[in-house]
Amino acid sequence: MAAVSAASSGVAQRYASALFELARERAALDSVAADLDRLEAMLAESAELGRLFSSPIVSRAEQRRAVLALAEQAGLGELVRNTLGVLAEHRRLAAVPAIARAFRAKLAELRGEVTAEIVAAAPLAAEDLAALEGAVARFAGRKVRLETSVDPALLAGVVVRVGSRMVDASLRRRLQQLEQVMKGIG
């Protein structure tokens, strides 16, 4: 399983690097990043689209036609449309989320930013996000870009991951710690 993840990660890195270099040459880094964000949002909202991207049953030609029509309808730029066409031809559409993450990481590195993954038990208010962004920026010592998601299983609180460092301030983690302490007593 780890070998499969490493292989798919390498594929995503290669495609992201190629797309990044083309976007940089054409001064289109921001528009490509926005297109990738839009594409990822569409994938998150539509299970049917996710099935199209990962289905081995749909032919390459059909996948390519469908994904290019979708890209055109969504108003995605030429670079992302062409990349989707190449991905469809090589049966790599399932790697789109990983490619988008790798592209954003390269863009953040270019800008001297660090990406912080924030997982909260409930959606965070704008002022909470701003405060969290400031605290993480002070911790990291540079500008921070937040990627947020919601996981109700945390019960309350947040988990913050910056690079290899993680701070788990969730109620779920505190209850797990309490459970371990109680097991040690009994």
Protein backbone atom coordinates (compact mmCIF):
# COMPACT_ATOMS: atom_id res chain seq x y z
CA MET A 1 0.00 0.00 0.00
CA ALA A 2 2.79 2.45 0.87
CA ALA A 3 4.44 1.73 -2.49
CA VAL A 4 1.20 2.62 -4.28
CA SER A 5 0.94 5.89 -2.36
CA ALA A 6 4.57 6.72 -3.07
CA ALA A 7 4.08 5.97 -6.76
CA SER A 8 0.94 8.09 -7.03
CA SER A 9 2.64 10.86 -5.06
CA GLY A 10 5.51 10.81 -7.55
CA VAL A 11 3.05 11.01 -10.43
CA ALA A 12 1.29 13.97 -8.80
CA GLN A 13 4.62 15.72 -8.19
CA ARG A 14 5.70 15.29 -11.80
CA TYR A 15 2.45 16.62 -13.25
CA ALA A 16 2.33 19.45 -10.70
CA SER A 17 5.91 20.44 -11.52
CA ALA A 18 5.19 20.50 -15.25
CA LEU A 19 2.00 22.53 -14.77
CA PHE A 20 3.78 24.87 -12.36
CA GLU A 21 6.61 25.57 -14.80
CA LEU A 22 4.20 26.22 -17.67
CA ALA A 23 2.11 28.52 -15.48
CA ARG A 24 5.22 30.40 -14.33
CA GLU A 25 6.42 30.86 -17.92
CA ARG A 26 3.03 32.30 -18.87
CA ALA A 27 2.66 34.38 -15.67
CA ALA A 28 -0.50 32.45 -14.87
CA LEU A 29 0.30 30.96 -11.44
CA ASP A 30 -2.63 32.61 -9.67
CA SER A 31 -5.19 31.76 -12.34
CA VAL A 32 -4.04 28.13 -12.51
CA ALA A 33 -4.21 27.89 -8.70
CA ALA A 34 -7.74 29.31 -8.79
CA ASP A 35 -8.73 26.85 -11.54
CA LEU A 36 -7.35 23.93 -9.52
CA ASP A 37 -9.23 25.12 -6.43
CA ARG A 38 -12.45 25.31 -8.46
CA LEU A 39 -11.84 21.85 -9.93
CA GLU A 40 -11.19 20.37 -6.48
CA ALA A 41 -14.38 21.97 -5.14
CA MET A 42 -16.34 20.46 -8.03
CA LEU A 43 -14.85 17.03 -7.26
CA ALA A 44 -15.74 17.39 -3.58
CA GLU A 45 -19.33 18.34 -4.40
CA SER A 46 -20.01 15.63 -6.98
CA ALA A 47 -19.56 11.93 -6.29
CA GLU A 48 -20.52 11.30 -9.91
CA LEU A 49 -17.63 13.45 -11.13
CA GLY A 50 -15.29 11.59 -8.77
CA ARG A 51 -16.44 8.30 -10.28
CA LEU A 52 -15.79 9.64 -13.78
CA PHE A 53 -12.26 10.66 -12.77
CA SER A 54 -11.44 7.26 -11.27
CA SER A 55 -13.48 4.83 -13.38
CA PRO A 56 -11.52 2.20 -15.30
CA ILE A 57 -14.69 1.33 -17.20
CA VAL A 58 -15.01 4.63 -19.06
CA SER A 59 -12.73 4.70 -22.09
CA ARG A 60 -9.87 7.17 -22.32
CA ALA A 61 -11.55 8.96 -25.21
CA GLU A 62 -14.86 9.25 -23.35
CA GLN A 63 -13.10 10.45 -20.20
CA ARG A 64 -11.16 13.02 -22.20
CA ARG A 65 -14.27 14.28 -24.00
CA ALA A 66 -16.26 14.50 -20.77
CA VAL A 67 -13.55 16.20 -18.75
CA LEU A 68 -12.77 18.73 -21.48
CA ALA A 69 -16.46 19.58 -21.83
CA LEU A 70 -16.68 20.01 -18.07
CA ALA A 71 -13.56 22.21 -18.03
CA GLU A 72 -14.97 24.36 -20.83
CA GLN A 73 -18.33 24.71 -19.08
CA ALA A 74 -16.63 25.58 -15.78
CA GLY A 75 -14.51 28.22 -17.50
CA LEU A 76 -11.19 26.65 -16.57
CA GLY A 77 -8.16 28.16 -18.26
CA GLU A 78 -6.24 26.66 -21.17
CA LEU A 79 -3.39 25.26 -19.06
CA VAL A 80 -5.69 23.35 -16.73
CA ARG A 81 -7.88 22.18 -19.62
CA ASN A 82 -4.84 20.86 -21.49
CA THR A 83 -3.52 19.21 -18.34
CA LEU A 84 -6.86 17.49 -17.81
CA GLY A 85 -6.75 16.22 -21.39
CA VAL A 86 -3.28 14.75 -20.87
CA LEU A 87 -4.32 13.25 -17.53
CA ALA A 88 -7.34 11.61 -19.19
CA GLU A 89 -5.20 10.19 -22.00
CA HIS A 90 -2.83 8.64 -19.45
CA ARG A 91 -5.56 7.48 -17.03
CA ARG A 92 -4.30 9.82 -14.31
CA LEU A 93 -7.44 11.87 -13.57
CA ALA A 94 -7.70 10.32 -10.10
CA ALA A 95 -4.47 12.15 -9.24
CA VAL A 96 -6.04 15.61 -9.70
CA PRO A 97 -6.45 16.35 -5.95
CA ALA A 98 -2.84 15.34 -5.25
CA ILE A 99 -1.65 17.39 -8.23
CA ALA A 100 -3.57 20.42 -6.93
CA ARG A 101 -2.02 20.01 -3.45
CA ALA A 102 1.47 19.67 -4.92
CA PHE A 103 0.91 22.73 -7.14
CA ARG A 104 -0.23 24.80 -4.13
CA ALA A 105 2.81 23.63 -2.14
CA LYS A 106 5.13 24.75 -4.95
CA LEU A 107 3.35 28.11 -5.17
CA ALA A 108 3.58 28.59 -1.40
CA GLU A 109 7.29 27.76 -1.46
CA LEU A 110 7.87 30.29 -4.24
CA ARG A 111 6.07 32.95 -2.19
CA GLY A 112 7.83 32.05 1.06
CA GLU A 113 4.60 30.85 2.63
CA VAL A 114 3.92 27.80 4.71
CA THR A 115 0.68 25.84 4.48
CA ALA A 116 -1.14 24.97 7.67
CA GLU A 117 -3.84 22.31 7.66
CA ILE A 118 -6.61 23.16 10.09
CA VAL A 119 -9.19 20.53 10.98
CA ALA A 120 -11.98 21.83 13.19
CA ALA A 121 -14.95 20.14 14.80
CA ALA A 122 -17.26 22.77 13.30
CA PRO A 123 -16.84 25.51 10.69
CA LEU A 124 -14.76 28.38 12.08
CA ALA A 125 -15.90 31.99 12.02
CA ALA A 126 -13.83 34.48 10.00
CA GLU A 127 -12.45 36.17 13.13
CA ASP A 128 -11.41 32.78 14.57
CA LEU A 129 -9.65 31.90 11.32
CA ALA A 130 -7.84 35.25 11.33
CA ALA A 131 -6.70 34.76 14.93
CA LEU A 132 -5.58 31.22 14.15
CA GLU A 133 -3.73 32.40 11.05
CA GLY A 134 -1.88 35.02 13.12
CA ALA A 135 -0.93 32.51 15.82
CA VAL A 136 0.31 29.96 13.28
CA ALA A 137 2.26 32.67 11.40
CA ARG A 138 4.01 33.67 14.63
CA PHE A 139 4.77 30.00 15.33
CA ALA A 140 6.05 29.30 11.81
CA GLY A 141 7.92 32.59 11.49
CA ARG A 142 6.51 33.36 8.05
CA LYS A 143 3.32 33.99 6.12
CA VAL A 144 0.76 31.21 6.41
CA ARG A 145 -1.86 29.87 4.04
CA LEU A 146 -4.65 27.97 5.79
CA GLU A 147 -6.34 24.88 4.38
CA THR A 148 -9.38 24.19 6.50
CA SER A 149 -11.67 21.22 6.81
CA VAL A 150 -14.32 20.03 9.24
CA ASP A 151 -14.34 16.74 11.14
CA PRO A 152 -17.26 16.45 13.60
CA ALA A 153 -15.55 13.40 15.14
CA LEU A 154 -13.20 15.83 16.93
CA LEU A 155 -16.22 16.81 19.11
CA ALA A 156 -14.74 20.29 19.80
CA GLY A 157 -11.49 22.16 19.20
CA VAL A 158 -9.00 22.02 16.35
CA VAL A 159 -6.04 20.09 15.02
CA VAL A 160 -3.32 22.21 13.39
CA ARG A 161 -0.64 20.67 11.18
CA VAL A 162 2.27 22.72 9.85
CA GLY A 163 4.76 20.60 7.97
CA SER A 164 5.69 17.69 10.21
CA ARG A 165 4.46 19.41 13.39
CA MET A 166 0.98 18.88 14.75
CA VAL A 167 -0.95 20.41 17.63
CA ASP A 168 -4.06 18.47 18.60
CA ALA A 169 -6.30 20.69 20.72
CA SER A 170 -9.43 18.63 20.16
CA LEU A 171 -11.82 17.34 22.77
CA ARG A 172 -11.50 13.86 21.26
CA ARG A 173 -7.75 13.83 21.99
CA ARG A 174 -8.28 15.10 25.54
CA LEU A 175 -10.83 12.36 26.18
CA GLN A 176 -8.38 9.79 24.82
CA GLN A 177 -5.70 11.10 27.18
CA LEU A 178 -8.12 10.97 30.10
CA GLU A 179 -9.04 7.40 29.17
CA GLN A 180 -5.35 6.42 29.21
CA VAL A 181 -4.88 8.02 32.63
CA MET A 182 -7.96 6.24 33.98
CA LYS A 183 -6.70 2.89 32.67
CA GLY A 184 -3.41 3.49 34.47
CA ILE A 185 -5.21 4.13 37.76
CA GLY A 186 -7.53 1.09 37.60
